[in-house]
Amino acid sequence: METIIEEQGKVAIVTLKGRLETTESAEVQEKITTLYEKDLEQVIIDCKDLEYIASSGLRILFLLLRAMKPKGTDVIIRNNSDMLKSLFDSTGFTPLFKFE
């Protein structure tokens, strides 16, 4: 699992590559938590190379949304695969996030 965070002005792009299994969740969470205190307009989660996400990975995305939304920061899921869309739909997360 690889997590790449790039900041471009007030936009952070988080690229997730590989399989976000429970064993990798703590490391990914630690990296994403660094965005919580930043003054951002958008956080884009790029899922183009995300092969799988466990429920612990969904929790990370939800916690990110919960931390950023009160500050007016949009959390956007980009390059959503059919697998991820199905998972978001079945867990009820679809209405919470913006998708590109």
N, C-alpha and C. Protein backbone atom coordinates (compact mmCIF):
# COMPACT_ATOMS: atom_id res chain seq x y z
N MET A 1 0.85 -1.18 0.00
CA MET A 1 0.00 0.00 0.00
C MET A 1 0.89 1.23 0.00
N GLU A 2 0.58 2.14 -0.90
CA GLU A 2 1.33 3.39 -0.98
C GLU A 2 0.35 4.56 -0.86
N THR A 3 0.71 5.53 -0.04
CA THR A 3 -0.10 6.73 0.15
C THR A 3 0.77 7.93 -0.18
N ILE A 4 0.35 8.68 -1.20
CA ILE A 4 1.11 9.86 -1.62
C ILE A 4 0.23 11.08 -1.41
N ILE A 5 0.77 12.08 -0.72
CA ILE A 5 0.03 13.32 -0.48
C ILE A 5 0.79 14.46 -1.14
N GLU A 6 0.10 15.14 -2.05
CA GLU A 6 0.66 16.31 -2.72
C GLU A 6 -0.23 17.51 -2.41
N GLU A 7 0.40 18.61 -2.07
CA GLU A 7 -0.37 19.83 -1.83
C GLU A 7 -0.09 20.82 -2.94
N GLN A 8 -1.19 21.37 -3.49
CA GLN A 8 -1.11 22.38 -4.54
C GLN A 8 -1.96 23.56 -4.09
N GLY A 9 -1.33 24.49 -3.42
CA GLY A 9 -2.06 25.62 -2.86
C GLY A 9 -2.99 25.14 -1.76
N LYS A 10 -4.28 25.38 -1.92
CA LYS A 10 -5.27 24.99 -0.91
C LYS A 10 -5.95 23.67 -1.26
N VAL A 11 -5.29 22.88 -2.11
CA VAL A 11 -5.82 21.57 -2.50
C VAL A 11 -4.78 20.51 -2.15
N ALA A 12 -5.24 19.45 -1.49
CA ALA A 12 -4.37 18.31 -1.22
C ALA A 12 -4.91 17.13 -2.03
N ILE A 13 -4.00 16.45 -2.71
CA ILE A 13 -4.37 15.26 -3.48
C ILE A 13 -3.72 14.06 -2.79
N VAL A 14 -4.57 13.14 -2.35
CA VAL A 14 -4.12 11.92 -1.68
C VAL A 14 -4.30 10.78 -2.67
N THR A 15 -3.20 10.20 -3.11
CA THR A 15 -3.25 9.08 -4.04
C THR A 15 -3.05 7.79 -3.26
N LEU A 16 -4.02 6.89 -3.40
CA LEU A 16 -3.94 5.58 -2.74
C LEU A 16 -3.63 4.53 -3.79
N LYS A 17 -2.56 3.77 -3.56
CA LYS A 17 -2.15 2.74 -4.52
C LYS A 17 -2.05 1.40 -3.82
N GLY A 18 -2.65 0.39 -4.43
CA GLY A 18 -2.56 -0.96 -3.89
C GLY A 18 -3.81 -1.36 -3.14
N ARG A 19 -3.61 -2.17 -2.12
CA ARG A 19 -4.71 -2.72 -1.33
C ARG A 19 -4.66 -2.12 0.07
N LEU A 20 -5.72 -1.41 0.42
CA LEU A 20 -5.81 -0.81 1.75
C LEU A 20 -6.46 -1.81 2.69
N GLU A 21 -5.63 -2.68 3.20
CA GLU A 21 -6.06 -3.73 4.12
C GLU A 21 -5.98 -3.19 5.56
N THR A 22 -6.53 -3.91 6.48
CA THR A 22 -6.52 -3.51 7.88
C THR A 22 -5.09 -3.32 8.39
N THR A 23 -4.16 -4.15 7.92
CA THR A 23 -2.78 -4.08 8.40
C THR A 23 -2.09 -2.77 8.00
N GLU A 24 -2.53 -2.14 6.92
CA GLU A 24 -1.93 -0.88 6.46
C GLU A 24 -2.67 0.34 6.98
N SER A 25 -3.81 0.15 7.59
CA SER A 25 -4.68 1.26 7.96
C SER A 25 -4.02 2.27 8.89
N ALA A 26 -3.29 1.80 9.88
CA ALA A 26 -2.66 2.72 10.85
C ALA A 26 -1.68 3.66 10.15
N GLU A 27 -0.90 3.12 9.25
CA GLU A 27 0.08 3.94 8.53
C GLU A 27 -0.61 4.97 7.63
N VAL A 28 -1.65 4.55 6.93
CA VAL A 28 -2.40 5.45 6.06
C VAL A 28 -3.08 6.53 6.90
N GLN A 29 -3.69 6.13 8.00
CA GLN A 29 -4.35 7.07 8.91
C GLN A 29 -3.37 8.12 9.40
N GLU A 30 -2.19 7.70 9.78
CA GLU A 30 -1.17 8.63 10.28
C GLU A 30 -0.83 9.69 9.23
N LYS A 31 -0.68 9.25 7.98
CA LYS A 31 -0.35 10.20 6.91
C LYS A 31 -1.50 11.15 6.63
N ILE A 32 -2.71 10.64 6.58
CA ILE A 32 -3.87 11.48 6.26
C ILE A 32 -4.20 12.43 7.39
N THR A 33 -3.94 12.04 8.61
CA THR A 33 -4.20 12.89 9.77
C THR A 33 -3.42 14.21 9.68
N THR A 34 -2.30 14.22 8.98
CA THR A 34 -1.52 15.45 8.85
C THR A 34 -2.31 16.55 8.14
N LEU A 35 -3.37 16.19 7.42
CA LEU A 35 -4.18 17.17 6.70
C LEU A 35 -5.21 17.85 7.59
N TYR A 36 -5.52 17.27 8.72
CA TYR A 36 -6.60 17.76 9.58
C TYR A 36 -6.44 19.23 9.98
N GLU A 37 -5.25 19.65 10.26
CA GLU A 37 -5.01 21.01 10.76
C GLU A 37 -4.69 22.01 9.67
N LYS A 38 -4.66 21.57 8.43
CA LYS A 38 -4.30 22.47 7.34
C LYS A 38 -5.51 23.25 6.85
N ASP A 39 -5.26 24.43 6.33
CA ASP A 39 -6.30 25.29 5.78
C ASP A 39 -6.46 24.97 4.29
N LEU A 40 -7.30 23.99 4.00
CA LEU A 40 -7.49 23.52 2.63
C LEU A 40 -8.92 23.78 2.17
N GLU A 41 -9.08 23.97 0.87
CA GLU A 41 -10.42 24.08 0.29
C GLU A 41 -10.93 22.73 -0.18
N GLN A 42 -9.99 21.88 -0.62
CA GLN A 42 -10.37 20.55 -1.10
C GLN A 42 -9.32 19.52 -0.72
N VAL A 43 -9.81 18.33 -0.42
CA VAL A 43 -8.95 17.15 -0.31
C VAL A 43 -9.50 16.16 -1.33
N ILE A 44 -8.66 15.82 -2.28
CA ILE A 44 -9.07 14.90 -3.34
C ILE A 44 -8.41 13.55 -3.06
N ILE A 45 -9.23 12.52 -2.97
CA ILE A 45 -8.74 11.15 -2.77
C ILE A 45 -8.74 10.49 -4.14
N ASP A 46 -7.56 10.27 -4.71
CA ASP A 46 -7.46 9.65 -6.03
C ASP A 46 -7.36 8.14 -5.86
N CYS A 47 -8.38 7.44 -6.36
CA CYS A 47 -8.49 5.99 -6.18
C CYS A 47 -8.18 5.21 -7.46
N LYS A 48 -7.55 5.86 -8.41
CA LYS A 48 -7.26 5.22 -9.69
C LYS A 48 -6.52 3.89 -9.52
N ASP A 49 -5.56 3.88 -8.62
CA ASP A 49 -4.73 2.68 -8.42
C ASP A 49 -5.06 1.93 -7.14
N LEU A 50 -6.23 2.21 -6.57
CA LEU A 50 -6.66 1.51 -5.37
C LEU A 50 -7.35 0.21 -5.78
N GLU A 51 -6.77 -0.92 -5.41
CA GLU A 51 -7.29 -2.22 -5.82
C GLU A 51 -8.37 -2.75 -4.87
N TYR A 52 -8.26 -2.38 -3.60
CA TYR A 52 -9.18 -2.90 -2.58
C TYR A 52 -9.14 -1.97 -1.37
N ILE A 53 -10.28 -1.86 -0.69
CA ILE A 53 -10.31 -1.09 0.55
C ILE A 53 -11.13 -1.86 1.59
N ALA A 54 -10.53 -2.09 2.74
CA ALA A 54 -11.22 -2.77 3.84
C ALA A 54 -12.08 -1.76 4.59
N SER A 55 -12.92 -2.24 5.47
CA SER A 55 -13.78 -1.35 6.24
C SER A 55 -12.95 -0.35 7.06
N SER A 56 -11.78 -0.74 7.48
CA SER A 56 -10.91 0.18 8.22
C SER A 56 -10.46 1.33 7.34
N GLY A 57 -10.32 1.09 6.04
CA GLY A 57 -9.99 2.15 5.09
C GLY A 57 -11.15 3.11 4.90
N LEU A 58 -12.37 2.58 4.86
CA LEU A 58 -13.55 3.44 4.78
C LEU A 58 -13.64 4.32 6.02
N ARG A 59 -13.28 3.76 7.15
CA ARG A 59 -13.29 4.53 8.40
C ARG A 59 -12.32 5.71 8.30
N ILE A 60 -11.16 5.49 7.72
CA ILE A 60 -10.18 6.56 7.54
C ILE A 60 -10.77 7.69 6.70
N LEU A 61 -11.45 7.33 5.62
CA LEU A 61 -12.06 8.34 4.75
C LEU A 61 -13.17 9.09 5.48
N PHE A 62 -13.95 8.36 6.26
CA PHE A 62 -15.03 8.99 7.03
C PHE A 62 -14.47 9.95 8.07
N LEU A 63 -13.42 9.55 8.77
CA LEU A 63 -12.80 10.42 9.77
C LEU A 63 -12.22 11.68 9.12
N LEU A 64 -11.65 11.52 7.93
CA LEU A 64 -11.14 12.67 7.18
C LEU A 64 -12.29 13.63 6.86
N LEU A 65 -13.38 13.09 6.36
CA LEU A 65 -14.55 13.90 6.04
C LEU A 65 -15.06 14.62 7.29
N ARG A 66 -15.15 13.91 8.38
CA ARG A 66 -15.65 14.47 9.64
C ARG A 66 -14.75 15.59 10.16
N ALA A 67 -13.44 15.48 9.92
CA ALA A 67 -12.51 16.51 10.37
C ALA A 67 -12.52 17.73 9.44
N MET A 68 -12.74 17.52 8.15
CA MET A 68 -12.60 18.60 7.18
C MET A 68 -13.89 19.35 6.89
N LYS A 69 -15.00 18.66 6.90
CA LYS A 69 -16.27 19.28 6.52
C LYS A 69 -16.64 20.49 7.38
N PRO A 70 -16.49 20.44 8.71
CA PRO A 70 -16.83 21.61 9.53
C PRO A 70 -16.00 22.85 9.19
N LYS A 71 -14.84 22.67 8.58
CA LYS A 71 -13.99 23.79 8.19
C LYS A 71 -14.34 24.28 6.79
N GLY A 72 -15.32 23.64 6.14
CA GLY A 72 -15.70 24.03 4.79
C GLY A 72 -14.86 23.40 3.70
N THR A 73 -14.09 22.39 4.05
CA THR A 73 -13.23 21.70 3.09
C THR A 73 -14.00 20.57 2.44
N ASP A 74 -14.02 20.56 1.10
CA ASP A 74 -14.66 19.47 0.37
C ASP A 74 -13.73 18.27 0.31
N VAL A 75 -14.28 17.09 0.54
CA VAL A 75 -13.54 15.84 0.37
C VAL A 75 -14.14 15.17 -0.87
N ILE A 76 -13.31 14.99 -1.88
CA ILE A 76 -13.76 14.50 -3.18
C ILE A 76 -13.07 13.17 -3.49
N ILE A 77 -13.87 12.20 -3.91
CA ILE A 77 -13.32 10.91 -4.34
C ILE A 77 -13.19 10.95 -5.85
N ARG A 78 -11.98 10.76 -6.34
CA ARG A 78 -11.70 10.82 -7.77
C ARG A 78 -11.33 9.42 -8.29
N ASN A 79 -11.73 9.14 -9.52
CA ASN A 79 -11.42 7.87 -10.19
C ASN A 79 -11.97 6.69 -9.39
N ASN A 80 -13.24 6.79 -9.06
CA ASN A 80 -13.93 5.78 -8.28
C ASN A 80 -14.17 4.53 -9.14
N SER A 81 -13.69 3.39 -8.71
CA SER A 81 -13.90 2.14 -9.44
C SER A 81 -15.29 1.58 -9.14
N ASP A 82 -15.73 0.61 -9.93
CA ASP A 82 -17.02 -0.03 -9.69
C ASP A 82 -17.05 -0.70 -8.31
N MET A 83 -15.93 -1.32 -7.94
CA MET A 83 -15.83 -1.97 -6.62
C MET A 83 -16.01 -0.96 -5.51
N LEU A 84 -15.35 0.18 -5.61
CA LEU A 84 -15.43 1.19 -4.58
C LEU A 84 -16.82 1.82 -4.55
N LYS A 85 -17.40 2.08 -5.72
CA LYS A 85 -18.74 2.64 -5.79
C LYS A 85 -19.75 1.71 -5.12
N SER A 86 -19.64 0.43 -5.39
CA SER A 86 -20.53 -0.55 -4.78
C SER A 86 -20.38 -0.56 -3.25
N LEU A 87 -19.15 -0.46 -2.79
CA LEU A 87 -18.88 -0.45 -1.35
C LEU A 87 -19.45 0.82 -0.70
N PHE A 88 -19.25 1.96 -1.35
CA PHE A 88 -19.81 3.21 -0.83
C PHE A 88 -21.34 3.14 -0.79
N ASP A 89 -21.94 2.59 -1.85
CA ASP A 89 -23.40 2.46 -1.90
C ASP A 89 -23.92 1.56 -0.79
N SER A 90 -23.28 0.41 -0.61
CA SER A 90 -23.77 -0.57 0.36
C SER A 90 -23.59 -0.12 1.81
N THR A 91 -22.62 0.76 2.06
CA THR A 91 -22.39 1.24 3.43
C THR A 91 -23.13 2.56 3.71
N GLY A 92 -23.75 3.12 2.68
CA GLY A 92 -24.47 4.38 2.86
C GLY A 92 -23.56 5.61 2.83
N PHE A 93 -22.31 5.45 2.41
CA PHE A 93 -21.36 6.56 2.37
C PHE A 93 -21.53 7.45 1.14
N THR A 94 -22.18 6.96 0.09
CA THR A 94 -22.27 7.70 -1.17
C THR A 94 -22.78 9.13 -0.99
N PRO A 95 -23.87 9.37 -0.24
CA PRO A 95 -24.36 10.74 -0.12
C PRO A 95 -23.43 11.67 0.68
N LEU A 96 -22.50 11.10 1.42
CA LEU A 96 -21.62 11.92 2.26
C LEU A 96 -20.48 12.59 1.49
N PHE A 97 -20.05 11.95 0.42
CA PHE A 97 -18.88 12.40 -0.32
C PHE A 97 -19.27 13.00 -1.66
N LYS A 98 -18.34 13.78 -2.22
CA LYS A 98 -18.46 14.26 -3.59
C LYS A 98 -17.60 13.36 -4.45
N PHE A 99 -18.03 13.13 -5.69
CA PHE A 99 -17.30 12.23 -6.59
C PHE A 99 -16.98 12.93 -7.90
N GLU A 100 -15.82 12.63 -8.45
CA GLU A 100 -15.40 13.13 -9.77
C GLU A 100 -15.10 11.96 -10.66
